[in-house]
PDB file of N, CA and C in Angstrom:
ATOM      1  N   MET A   1     -43.173 -54.239   8.661  1.00  0.00           N
ATOM      2  CA  MET A   1     -42.346 -52.631   9.065  1.00  0.00           C
ATOM      3  C   MET A   1     -41.728 -52.482  10.714  1.00  0.00           C
ATOM      4  N   SER A   2     -40.790 -52.136  11.265  1.00  0.00           N
ATOM      5  CA  SER A   2     -40.568 -51.740  12.419  1.00  0.00           C
ATOM      6  C   SER A   2     -41.309 -50.804  13.238  1.00  0.00           C
ATOM      7  N   ASP A   3     -41.745 -50.436  14.538  1.00  0.00           N
ATOM      8  CA  ASP A   3     -42.342 -49.679  15.116  1.00  0.00           C
ATOM      9  C   ASP A   3     -41.387 -49.052  15.528  1.00  0.00           C
ATOM     10  N   ASP A   4     -40.053 -49.095  15.865  1.00  0.00           N
ATOM     11  CA  ASP A   4     -38.889 -47.941  16.006  1.00  0.00           C
ATOM     12  C   ASP A   4     -38.316 -47.555  15.366  1.00  0.00           C
ATOM     13  N   ILE A   5     -38.356 -46.057  15.200  1.00  0.00           N
ATOM     14  CA  ILE A   5     -37.981 -44.741  14.943  1.00  0.00           C
ATOM     15  C   ILE A   5     -36.774 -44.823  14.215  1.00  0.00           C
ATOM     16  N   LEU A   6     -35.680 -45.458  15.258  1.00  0.00           N
ATOM     17  CA  LEU A   6     -34.246 -45.510  14.737  1.00  0.00           C
ATOM     18  C   LEU A   6     -33.977 -46.500  13.448  1.00  0.00           C
ATOM     19  N   ASP A   7     -34.924 -47.708  13.917  1.00  0.00           N
ATOM     20  CA  ASP A   7     -35.068 -49.037  12.630  1.00  0.00           C
ATOM     21  C   ASP A   7     -35.621 -48.646  11.602  1.00  0.00           C
ATOM     22  N   ARG A   8     -36.219 -47.421  11.331  1.00  0.00           N
ATOM     23  CA  ARG A   8     -36.841 -46.834  10.306  1.00  0.00           C
ATOM     24  C   ARG A   8     -36.316 -46.401   9.134  1.00  0.00           C
ATOM     25  N   LEU A   9     -35.608 -45.293  10.345  1.00  0.00           N
ATOM     26  CA  LEU A   9     -34.647 -44.393  10.015  1.00  0.00           C
ATOM     27  C   LEU A   9     -33.281 -45.636   9.091  1.00  0.00           C
ATOM     28  N   VAL A  10     -33.169 -46.448  10.091  1.00  0.00           N
ATOM     29  CA  VAL A  10     -31.552 -47.278   9.265  1.00  0.00           C
ATOM     30  C   VAL A  10     -32.557 -47.578   8.355  1.00  0.00           C
ATOM     31  N   ALA A  11     -33.056 -48.495   7.912  1.00  0.00           N
ATOM     32  CA  ALA A  11     -34.228 -48.723   6.981  1.00  0.00           C
ATOM     33  C   ALA A  11     -34.431 -47.815   5.475  1.00  0.00           C
ATOM     34  N   ARG A  12     -34.986 -46.687   6.025  1.00  0.00           N
ATOM     35  CA  ARG A  12     -34.514 -45.761   4.931  1.00  0.00           C
ATOM     36  C   ARG A  12     -33.446 -45.262   4.151  1.00  0.00           C
ATOM     37  N   ILE A  13     -32.309 -44.956   5.241  1.00  0.00           N
ATOM     38  CA  ILE A  13     -31.097 -44.951   4.989  1.00  0.00           C
ATOM     39  C   ILE A  13     -30.547 -45.784   4.211  1.00  0.00           C
ATOM     40  N   THR A  14     -30.873 -47.294   4.362  1.00  0.00           N
ATOM     41  CA  THR A  14     -29.800 -48.435   3.797  1.00  0.00           C
ATOM     42  C   THR A  14     -30.685 -48.282   2.207  1.00  0.00           C
ATOM     43  N   LEU A  15     -31.843 -48.076   2.343  1.00  0.00           N
ATOM     44  CA  LEU A  15     -32.585 -48.050   0.811  1.00  0.00           C
ATOM     45  C   LEU A  15     -31.930 -46.892   0.311  1.00  0.00           C
ATOM     46  N   ASN A  16     -31.581 -45.751   0.764  1.00  0.00           N
ATOM     47  CA  ASN A  16     -31.755 -44.474  -0.472  1.00  0.00           C
ATOM     48  C   ASN A  16     -29.905 -44.528  -0.438  1.00  0.00           C
ATOM     49  N   ARG A  17     -29.185 -45.029   0.004  1.00  0.00           N
ATOM     50  CA  ARG A  17     -27.594 -45.355   0.274  1.00  0.00           C
ATOM     51  C   ARG A  17     -27.906 -45.248  -1.447  1.00  0.00           C
ATOM     52  N   ASN A  18     -27.795 -46.337  -2.175  1.00  0.00           N
ATOM     53  CA  ASN A  18     -27.552 -46.464  -3.492  1.00  0.00           C
ATOM     54  C   ASN A  18     -28.252 -45.172  -4.690  1.00  0.00           C
ATOM     55  N   GLY A  19     -28.865 -44.459  -3.952  1.00  0.00           N
ATOM     56  CA  GLY A  19     -29.830 -43.427  -4.789  1.00  0.00           C
ATOM     57  C   GLY A  19     -29.109 -42.667  -5.433  1.00  0.00           C
ATOM     58  N   ASP A  20     -30.108 -41.630  -5.978  1.00  0.00           N
ATOM     59  CA  ASP A  20     -29.425 -40.744  -7.056  1.00  0.00           C
ATOM     60  C   ASP A  20     -28.825 -39.457  -6.442  1.00  0.00           C
ATOM     61  N   PRO A  21     -27.488 -39.495  -6.561  1.00  0.00           N
ATOM     62  CA  PRO A  21     -26.862 -38.441  -5.428  1.00  0.00           C
ATOM     63  C   PRO A  21     -27.671 -37.027  -5.541  1.00  0.00           C
ATOM     64  N   ALA A  22     -28.031 -36.342  -7.323  1.00  0.00           N
ATOM     65  CA  ALA A  22     -28.954 -35.832  -7.378  1.00  0.00           C
ATOM     66  C   ALA A  22     -30.192 -35.267  -6.442  1.00  0.00           C
ATOM     67  N   THR A  23     -30.921 -36.918  -6.291  1.00  0.00           N
ATOM     68  CA  THR A  23     -32.125 -36.556  -5.923  1.00  0.00           C
ATOM     69  C   THR A  23     -32.340 -36.983  -4.216  1.00  0.00           C
ATOM     70  N   SER A  24     -30.839 -37.514  -3.410  1.00  0.00           N
ATOM     71  CA  SER A  24     -30.910 -38.267  -2.484  1.00  0.00           C
ATOM     72  C   SER A  24     -29.735 -37.358  -1.449  1.00  0.00           C
ATOM     73  N   TYR A  25     -30.033 -36.892  -0.139  1.00  0.00           N
ATOM     74  CA  TYR A  25     -28.876 -36.494   0.642  1.00  0.00           C
ATOM     75  C   TYR A  25     -28.000 -37.692   0.937  1.00  0.00           C
ATOM     76  N   VAL A  26     -28.918 -38.723   1.058  1.00  0.00           N
ATOM     77  CA  VAL A  26     -28.413 -39.776   2.024  1.00  0.00           C
ATOM     78  C   VAL A  26     -27.478 -40.603   0.577  1.00  0.00           C
ATOM     79  N   ALA A  27     -28.003 -40.444  -0.460  1.00  0.00           N
ATOM     80  CA  ALA A  27     -27.064 -40.994  -1.827  1.00  0.00           C
ATOM     81  C   ALA A  27     -25.937 -40.163  -1.830  1.00  0.00           C
ATOM     82  N   ARG A  28     -26.145 -39.050  -1.354  1.00  0.00           N
ATOM     83  CA  ARG A  28     -24.755 -37.181  -2.106  1.00  0.00           C
ATOM     84  C   ARG A  28     -23.828 -37.747  -0.867  1.00  0.00           C
ATOM     85  N   MET A  29     -24.082 -37.861   0.097  1.00  0.00           N
ATOM     86  CA  MET A  29     -22.950 -38.352   1.163  1.00  0.00           C
ATOM     87  C   MET A  29     -22.269 -39.388   1.281  1.00  0.00           C
ATOM     88  N   THR A  30     -22.952 -40.382   0.407  1.00  0.00           N
ATOM     89  CA  THR A  30     -22.551 -41.992   0.562  1.00  0.00           C
ATOM     90  C   THR A  30     -21.391 -42.312  -0.562  1.00  0.00           C
ATOM     91  N   ALA A  31     -21.512 -40.864  -1.586  1.00  0.00           N
ATOM     92  CA  ALA A  31     -20.905 -40.858  -2.706  1.00  0.00           C
ATOM     93  C   ALA A  31     -19.825 -40.496  -1.982  1.00  0.00           C
ATOM     94  N   LYS A  32     -19.784 -39.291  -1.571  1.00  0.00           N
ATOM     95  CA  LYS A  32     -18.439 -38.132  -0.477  1.00  0.00           C
ATOM     96  C   LYS A  32     -18.124 -39.539  -0.233  1.00  0.00           C
ATOM     97  N   GLY A  33     -17.879 -40.546   0.340  1.00  0.00           N
ATOM     98  CA  GLY A  33     -17.100 -41.262   1.298  1.00  0.00           C
ATOM     99  C   GLY A  33     -17.697 -41.186   2.689  1.00  0.00           C
ATOM    100  N   ARG A  34     -16.669 -42.225   3.558  1.00  0.00           N
ATOM    101  CA  ARG A  34     -16.684 -42.044   4.723  1.00  0.00           C
ATOM    102  C   ARG A  34     -16.171 -41.089   5.510  1.00  0.00           C
ATOM    103  N   ALA A  35     -15.173 -40.362   4.912  1.00  0.00           N
ATOM    104  CA  ALA A  35     -14.757 -39.319   5.727  1.00  0.00           C
ATOM    105  C   ALA A  35     -15.246 -38.356   5.921  1.00  0.00           C
ATOM    106  N   LYS A  36     -16.212 -38.113   4.578  1.00  0.00           N
ATOM    107  CA  LYS A  36     -17.271 -36.983   4.719  1.00  0.00           C
ATOM    108  C   LYS A  36     -17.980 -37.420   5.587  1.00  0.00           C
ATOM    109  N   ILE A  37     -18.829 -38.006   5.535  1.00  0.00           N
ATOM    110  CA  ILE A  37     -20.036 -38.540   6.069  1.00  0.00           C
ATOM    111  C   ILE A  37     -19.808 -38.431   7.963  1.00  0.00           C
ATOM    112  N   ALA A  38     -18.216 -38.843   8.356  1.00  0.00           N
ATOM    113  CA  ALA A  38     -17.857 -38.756   9.443  1.00  0.00           C
ATOM    114  C   ALA A  38     -17.346 -37.138   9.639  1.00  0.00           C
ATOM    115  N   GLN A  39     -16.853 -36.295   8.905  1.00  0.00           N
ATOM    116  CA  GLN A  39     -17.021 -34.495   9.300  1.00  0.00           C
ATOM    117  C   GLN A  39     -18.474 -34.518   8.998  1.00  0.00           C
ATOM    118  N   LYS A  40     -19.311 -34.326   8.539  1.00  0.00           N
ATOM    119  CA  LYS A  40     -20.322 -34.048   9.090  1.00  0.00           C
ATOM    120  C   LYS A  40     -20.902 -34.257  10.465  1.00  0.00           C
ATOM    121  N   LEU A  41     -20.912 -35.769  10.846  1.00  0.00           N
ATOM    122  CA  LEU A  41     -21.204 -36.514  12.304  1.00  0.00           C
ATOM    123  C   LEU A  41     -20.444 -35.423  12.881  1.00  0.00           C
ATOM    124  N   GLY A  42     -19.420 -35.061  12.908  1.00  0.00           N
ATOM    125  CA  GLY A  42     -18.676 -34.012  13.942  1.00  0.00           C
ATOM    126  C   GLY A  42     -19.210 -32.764  13.999  1.00  0.00           C
ATOM    127  N   GLU A  43     -19.300 -32.060  12.635  1.00  0.00           N
ATOM    128  CA  GLU A  43     -20.176 -31.105  12.665  1.00  0.00           C
ATOM    129  C   GLU A  43     -21.557 -30.702  13.296  1.00  0.00           C
ATOM    130  N   GLU A  44     -22.286 -31.837  13.137  1.00  0.00           N
ATOM    131  CA  GLU A  44     -23.440 -32.103  13.666  1.00  0.00           C
ATOM    132  C   GLU A  44     -23.357 -32.323  15.415  1.00  0.00           C
ATOM    133  N   ALA A  45     -22.246 -33.041  15.916  1.00  0.00           N
ATOM    134  CA  ALA A  45     -21.944 -32.700  17.230  1.00  0.00           C
ATOM    135  C   ALA A  45     -21.984 -31.347  18.067  1.00  0.00           C
ATOM    136  N   VAL A  46     -20.828 -30.544  16.930  1.00  0.00           N
ATOM    137  CA  VAL A  46     -20.990 -29.370  17.541  1.00  0.00           C
ATOM    138  C   VAL A  46     -21.902 -28.804  17.920  1.00  0.00           C
ATOM    139  N   GLU A  47     -22.755 -28.960  16.925  1.00  0.00           N
ATOM    140  CA  GLU A  47     -23.770 -27.964  16.818  1.00  0.00           C
ATOM    141  C   GLU A  47     -24.786 -28.246  17.801  1.00  0.00           C
ATOM    142  N   THR A  48     -24.831 -30.059  17.951  1.00  0.00           N
ATOM    143  CA  THR A  48     -25.623 -30.468  19.230  1.00  0.00           C
ATOM    144  C   THR A  48     -24.823 -29.520  20.574  1.00  0.00           C
ATOM    145  N   VAL A  49     -23.776 -29.734  20.732  1.00  0.00           N
ATOM    146  CA  VAL A  49     -23.067 -28.758  22.054  1.00  0.00           C
ATOM    147  C   VAL A  49     -23.780 -27.144  21.976  1.00  0.00           C
ATOM    148  N   ILE A  50     -24.085 -26.640  20.361  1.00  0.00           N
ATOM    149  CA  ILE A  50     -24.195 -25.203  20.992  1.00  0.00           C
ATOM    150  C   ILE A  50     -25.373 -25.185  21.047  1.00  0.00           C
ATOM    151  N   ALA A  51     -26.143 -25.971  21.162  1.00  0.00           N
ATOM    152  CA  ALA A  51     -27.471 -25.576  21.409  1.00  0.00           C
ATOM    153  C   ALA A  51     -28.083 -26.039  22.309  1.00  0.00           C
ATOM    154  N   ALA A  52     -27.026 -26.607  23.127  1.00  0.00           N
ATOM    155  CA  ALA A  52     -27.019 -27.444  24.593  1.00  0.00           C
ATOM    156  C   ALA A  52     -27.027 -26.558  25.294  1.00  0.00           C
ATOM    157  N   MET A  53     -25.728 -25.643  25.132  1.00  0.00           N
ATOM    158  CA  MET A  53     -25.474 -24.516  25.667  1.00  0.00           C
ATOM    159  C   MET A  53     -26.489 -23.508  25.750  1.00  0.00           C
ATOM    160  N   GLY A  54     -26.797 -23.150  24.764  1.00  0.00           N
ATOM    161  CA  GLY A  54     -27.934 -21.904  24.421  1.00  0.00           C
ATOM    162  C   GLY A  54     -29.289 -22.194  25.588  1.00  0.00           C
ATOM    163  N   ASP A  55     -29.398 -23.311  26.129  1.00  0.00           N
ATOM    164  CA  ASP A  55     -30.808 -23.804  26.611  1.00  0.00           C
ATOM    165  C   ASP A  55     -31.737 -23.617  26.140  1.00  0.00           C
ATOM    166  N   ASP A  56     -31.911 -24.044  24.578  1.00  0.00           N
ATOM    167  CA  ASP A  56     -33.047 -23.764  23.451  1.00  0.00           C
ATOM    168  C   ASP A  56     -33.213 -25.456  23.703  1.00  0.00           C
ATOM    169  N   ARG A  57     -34.692 -25.941  24.382  1.00  0.00           N
ATOM    170  CA  ARG A  57     -34.988 -26.702  24.204  1.00  0.00           C
ATOM    171  C   ARG A  57     -35.164 -27.366  22.947  1.00  0.00           C
ATOM    172  N   GLY A  58     -36.332 -26.590  21.964  1.00  0.00           N
ATOM    173  CA  GLY A  58     -36.366 -26.925  20.566  1.00  0.00           C
ATOM    174  C   GLY A  58     -35.170 -27.046  19.574  1.00  0.00           C
ATOM    175  N   GLU A  59     -33.887 -26.082  19.989  1.00  0.00           N
ATOM    176  CA  GLU A  59     -32.893 -25.859  19.227  1.00  0.00           C
ATOM    177  C   GLU A  59     -31.891 -27.408  19.112  1.00  0.00           C
ATOM    178  N   LEU A  60     -31.939 -27.964  20.547  1.00  0.00           N
ATOM    179  CA  LEU A  60     -31.337 -28.735  21.063  1.00  0.00           C
ATOM    180  C   LEU A  60     -31.688 -30.274  20.370  1.00  0.00           C
ATOM    181  N   ILE A  61     -33.355 -30.302  20.503  1.00  0.00           N
ATOM    182  CA  ILE A  61     -34.264 -31.702  19.705  1.00  0.00           C
ATOM    183  C   ILE A  61     -33.429 -31.449  18.465  1.00  0.00           C
ATOM    184  N   GLY A  62     -33.631 -30.556  17.539  1.00  0.00           N
ATOM    185  CA  GLY A  62     -33.019 -30.134  15.964  1.00  0.00           C
ATOM    186  C   GLY A  62     -31.814 -30.649  15.803  1.00  0.00           C
ATOM    187  N   GLU A  63     -31.224 -30.149  16.571  1.00  0.00           N
ATOM    188  CA  GLU A  63     -29.969 -30.643  16.295  1.00  0.00           C
ATOM    189  C   GLU A  63     -29.207 -32.099  16.974  1.00  0.00           C
ATOM    190  N   ALA A  64     -29.794 -32.837  17.977  1.00  0.00           N
ATOM    191  CA  ALA A  64     -29.548 -33.822  18.378  1.00  0.00           C
ATOM    192  C   ALA A  64     -30.230 -34.912  17.216  1.00  0.00           C
ATOM    193  N   SER A  65     -31.432 -34.745  16.894  1.00  0.00           N
ATOM    194  CA  SER A  65     -32.217 -35.551  15.529  1.00  0.00           C
ATOM    195  C   SER A  65     -30.875 -35.378  14.399  1.00  0.00           C
ATOM    196  N   ASP A  66     -30.269 -34.095  13.953  1.00  0.00           N
ATOM    197  CA  ASP A  66     -29.474 -34.147  12.790  1.00  0.00           C
ATOM    198  C   ASP A  66     -27.805 -35.195  13.762  1.00  0.00           C
ATOM    199  N   LEU A  67     -27.805 -35.142  15.013  1.00  0.00           N
ATOM    200  CA  LEU A  67     -26.631 -35.774  15.344  1.00  0.00           C
ATOM    201  C   LEU A  67     -26.802 -37.580  14.842  1.00  0.00           C
ATOM    202  N   VAL A  68     -28.416 -37.923  15.293  1.00  0.00           N
ATOM    203  CA  VAL A  68     -28.853 -39.211  15.708  1.00  0.00           C
ATOM    204  C   VAL A  68     -28.467 -39.654  14.235  1.00  0.00           C
ATOM    205  N   PHE A  69     -29.404 -38.684  13.109  1.00  0.00           N
ATOM    206  CA  PHE A  69     -29.223 -39.042  12.008  1.00  0.00           C
ATOM    207  C   PHE A  69     -27.494 -38.804  11.037  1.00  0.00           C
ATOM    208  N   HIS A  70     -27.267 -38.343  11.097  1.00  0.00           N
ATOM    209  CA  HIS A  70     -25.770 -38.506  10.291  1.00  0.00           C
ATOM    210  C   HIS A  70     -25.241 -39.935  11.372  1.00  0.00           C
ATOM    211  N   LEU A  71     -25.328 -40.227  12.534  1.00  0.00           N
ATOM    212  CA  LEU A  71     -24.332 -41.233  13.075  1.00  0.00           C
ATOM    213  C   LEU A  71     -25.091 -42.550  12.544  1.00  0.00           C
ATOM    214  N   ALA A  72     -26.632 -42.571  12.021  1.00  0.00           N
ATOM    215  CA  ALA A  72     -27.358 -43.549  11.533  1.00  0.00           C
ATOM    216  C   ALA A  72     -26.772 -43.989  10.376  1.00  0.00           C
ATOM    217  N   LEU A  73     -26.223 -42.799   9.468  1.00  0.00           N
ATOM    218  CA  LEU A  73     -25.667 -43.054   7.971  1.00  0.00           C
ATOM    219  C   LEU A  73     -24.520 -43.346   8.528  1.00  0.00           C
ATOM    220  N   LEU A  74     -23.104 -43.092   8.854  1.00  0.00           N
ATOM    221  CA  LEU A  74     -21.787 -43.269   9.319  1.00  0.00           C
ATOM    222  C   LEU A  74     -22.036 -44.785   9.716  1.00  0.00           C
ATOM    223  N   LEU A  75     -23.086 -45.236  10.368  1.00  0.00           N
ATOM    224  CA  LEU A  75     -22.785 -46.833  10.960  1.00  0.00           C
ATOM    225  C   LEU A  75     -22.947 -47.541  10.032  1.00  0.00           C
ATOM    226  N   ALA A  76     -24.625 -46.870   8.910  1.00  0.00           N
ATOM    227  CA  ALA A  76     -24.640 -47.699   7.636  1.00  0.00           C
ATOM    228  C   ALA A  76     -23.802 -47.866   6.808  1.00  0.00           C
ATOM    229  N   ASP A  77     -22.806 -46.971   6.702  1.00  0.00           N
ATOM    230  CA  ASP A  77     -21.653 -46.870   5.502  1.00  0.00           C
ATOM    231  C   ASP A  77     -20.272 -47.436   6.071  1.00  0.00           C
ATOM    232  N   ALA A  78     -20.738 -48.411   7.614  1.00  0.00           N
ATOM    233  CA  ALA A  78     -19.544 -49.327   8.173  1.00  0.00           C
ATOM    234  C   ALA A  78     -20.058 -50.701   8.036  1.00  0.00           C
ATOM    235  N   GLY A  79     -21.028 -50.993   7.947  1.00  0.00           N
ATOM    236  CA  GLY A  79     -22.326 -52.001   7.330  1.00  0.00           C
ATOM    237  C   GLY A  79     -22.535 -52.028   9.218  1.00  0.00           C
ATOM    238  N   LEU A  80     -22.762 -51.479   9.860  1.00  0.00           N
ATOM    239  CA  LEU A  80     -23.449 -51.438  11.488  1.00  0.00           C
ATOM    240  C   LEU A  80     -24.754 -50.925  11.527  1.00  0.00           C
ATOM    241  N   SER A  81     -25.393 -51.482  12.576  1.00  0.00           N
ATOM    242  CA  SER A  81     -26.584 -50.759  12.801  1.00  0.00           C
ATOM    243  C   SER A  81     -26.984 -50.345  14.524  1.00  0.00           C
ATOM    244  N   PHE A  82     -27.638 -49.416  14.756  1.00  0.00           N
ATOM    245  CA  PHE A  82     -28.485 -49.592  16.216  1.00  0.00           C
ATOM    246  C   PHE A  82     -28.319 -50.894  16.657  1.00  0.00           C
ATOM    247  N   ASP A  83     -27.901 -52.167  15.979  1.00  0.00           N
ATOM    248  CA  ASP A  83     -28.530 -53.269  16.904  1.00  0.00           C
ATOM    249  C   ASP A  83     -26.943 -53.552  17.587  1.00  0.00           C
ATOM    250  N   ASP A  84     -26.189 -52.955  16.283  1.00  0.00           N
ATOM    251  CA  ASP A  84     -24.655 -53.282  16.865  1.00  0.00           C
ATOM    252  C   ASP A  84     -24.324 -52.182  18.184  1.00  0.00           C
ATOM    253  N   ILE A  85     -24.683 -51.048  18.469  1.00  0.00           N
ATOM    254  CA  ILE A  85     -24.801 -50.106  19.202  1.00  0.00           C
ATOM    255  C   ILE A  85     -25.575 -50.473  20.398  1.00  0.00           C
ATOM    256  N   ARG A  86     -26.685 -51.615  20.504  1.00  0.00           N
ATOM    257  CA  ARG A  86     -27.720 -52.233  21.847  1.00  0.00           C
ATOM    258  C   ARG A  86     -26.781 -53.099  22.464  1.00  0.00           C
ATOM    259  N   THR A  87     -26.505 -53.632  21.245  1.00  0.00           N
ATOM    260  CA  THR A  87     -25.363 -55.038  21.631  1.00  0.00           C
ATOM    261  C   THR A  87     -24.139 -54.549  22.902  1.00  0.00           C
ATOM    262  N   GLU A  88     -23.537 -53.593  22.415  1.00  0.00           N
ATOM    263  CA  GLU A  88     -22.768 -53.337  23.461  1.00  0.00           C
ATOM    264  C   GLU A  88     -23.073 -52.372  24.360  1.00  0.00           C
ATOM    265  N   LEU A  89     -24.060 -51.193  24.362  1.00  0.00           N
ATOM    266  CA  LEU A  89     -24.317 -50.878  25.665  1.00  0.00           C
ATOM    267  C   LEU A  89     -24.910 -51.855  26.720  1.00  0.00           C
ATOM    268  N   ALA A  90     -25.486 -53.130  26.101  1.00  0.00           N
ATOM    269  CA  ALA A  90     -26.412 -54.183  26.992  1.00  0.00           C
ATOM    270  C   ALA A  90     -25.064 -54.873  27.303  1.00  0.00           C
ATOM    271  N   ARG A  91     -23.942 -55.203  26.684  1.00  0.00           N
ATOM    272  CA  ARG A  91     -22.770 -55.658  27.254  1.00  0.00           C
ATOM    273  C   ARG A  91     -22.191 -54.915  28.699  1.00  0.00           C
ATOM    274  N   ARG A  92     -21.930 -53.731  28.503  1.00  0.00           N
ATOM    275  CA  ARG A  92     -22.009 -52.540  29.418  1.00  0.00           C
ATOM    276  C   ARG A  92     -22.864 -52.906  30.482  1.00  0.00           C
ATOM    277  N   GLU A  93     -23.943 -52.886  30.527  1.00  0.00           N
ATOM    278  CA  GLU A  93     -25.044 -51.982  31.204  1.00  0.00           C
ATOM    279  C   GLU A  93     -24.448 -52.956  32.465  1.00  0.00           C
ATOM    280  N   GLY A  94     -24.359 -52.548  33.915  1.00  0.00           N
ATOM    281  CA  GLY A  94     -24.409 -52.751  35.137  1.00  0.00           C
ATOM    282  C   GLY A  94     -22.691 -52.838  35.682  1.00  0.00           C
ATOM    283  N   ILE A  95     -22.222 -52.490  34.526  1.00  0.00           N
ATOM    284  CA  ILE A  95     -20.836 -51.865  34.509  1.00  0.00           C
ATOM    285  C   ILE A  95     -20.400 -50.559  34.837  1.00  0.00           C
ATOM    286  N   SER A  96     -19.502 -50.215  36.028  1.00  0.00           N
ATOM    287  CA  SER A  96     -19.283 -49.097  36.221  1.00  0.00           C
ATOM    288  C   SER A  96     -18.733 -48.070  35.297  1.00  0.00           C
ATOM    289  N   GLY A  97     -18.488 -46.883  34.408  1.00  0.00           N
ATOM    290  CA  GLY A  97     -18.339 -46.188  33.626  1.00  0.00           C
ATOM    291  C   GLY A  97     -16.906 -46.043  33.699  1.00  0.00           C
ATOM    292  N   LEU A  98     -16.366 -45.912  34.833  1.00  0.00           N
ATOM    293  CA  LEU A  98     -15.540 -45.711  35.233  1.00  0.00           C
ATOM    294  C   LEU A  98     -14.071 -47.331  34.991  1.00  0.00           C
ATOM    295  N   ALA A  99     -14.812 -47.958  35.801  1.00  0.00           N
ATOM    296  CA  ALA A  99     -14.178 -49.497  35.607  1.00  0.00           C
ATOM    297  C   ALA A  99     -14.669 -50.353  33.736  1.00  0.00           C
ATOM    298  N   GLU A 100     -15.536 -49.616  32.769  1.00  0.00           N
ATOM    299  CA  GLU A 100     -15.184 -49.738  31.848  1.00  0.00           C
ATOM    300  C   GLU A 100     -14.157 -49.267  30.608  1.00  0.00           C
ATOM    301  N   LYS A 101     -14.386 -48.070  31.114  1.00  0.00           N
ATOM    302  CA  LYS A 101     -13.261 -47.225  30.230  1.00  0.00           C
ATOM    303  C   LYS A 101     -11.578 -47.390  30.829  1.00  0.00           C
ATOM    304  N   ALA A 102     -11.330 -47.996  32.153  1.00  0.00           N
ATOM    305  CA  ALA A 102     -10.248 -48.353  32.171  1.00  0.00           C
ATOM    306  C   ALA A 102      -9.682 -50.033  31.811  1.00  0.00           C
ATOM    307  N   SER A 103     -11.425 -50.642  31.366  1.00  0.00           N
ATOM    308  CA  SER A 103     -11.380 -51.756  31.213  1.00  0.00           C
ATOM    309  C   SER A 103     -10.687 -51.731  29.265  1.00  0.00           C
ATOM    310  N   ARG A 104     -11.139 -50.857  28.692  1.00  0.00           N
ATOM    311  CA  ARG A 104     -10.372 -50.234  27.141  1.00  0.00           C
ATOM    312  C   ARG A 104      -8.550 -49.930  27.379  1.00  0.00           C
ATOM    313  N   LYS A 105      -8.650 -49.203  28.178  1.00  0.00           N
ATOM    314  CA  LYS A 105      -6.806 -48.938  28.120  1.00  0.00           C
ATOM    315  C   LYS A 105      -5.995 -50.132  28.626  1.00  0.00           C
ATOM    316  N   ALA A 106      -6.240 -51.523  29.585  1.00  0.00           N
ATOM    317  CA  ALA A 106      -5.855 -52.422  29.964  1.00  0.00           C
ATOM    318  C   ALA A 106      -6.129 -53.265  28.201  1.00  0.00           C
ATOM    319  N   GLY A 107      -6.839 -53.090  27.466  1.00  0.00           N
ATOM    320  CA  GLY A 107      -6.987 -54.230  26.330  1.00  0.00           C
ATOM    321  C   GLY A 107      -5.984 -53.257  25.648  1.00  0.00           C
TER     322      GLY A 107
END
């Protein structure tokens, strides 16, 4: 098994997706569908912003962890992983953020 916590998280989510929704949060969210998972991700993003504005380090860590968990769940539901994100970030490496954003508008 990987030493990377994000890889282990994705592996656990993948394993639990088809579990019993009565006993698995991942299975329950998966059964509700991608829109519900995305909605929950949005809620966690807002809670992360609120925690950041409150300047409470522990709260921010907790909310950011919830955010990453729900992002991993959404990615798994879409058949994606953090490897896909790593690949895209590597592609963008060394490109100005402004230039990268402009290239998306041009395409």
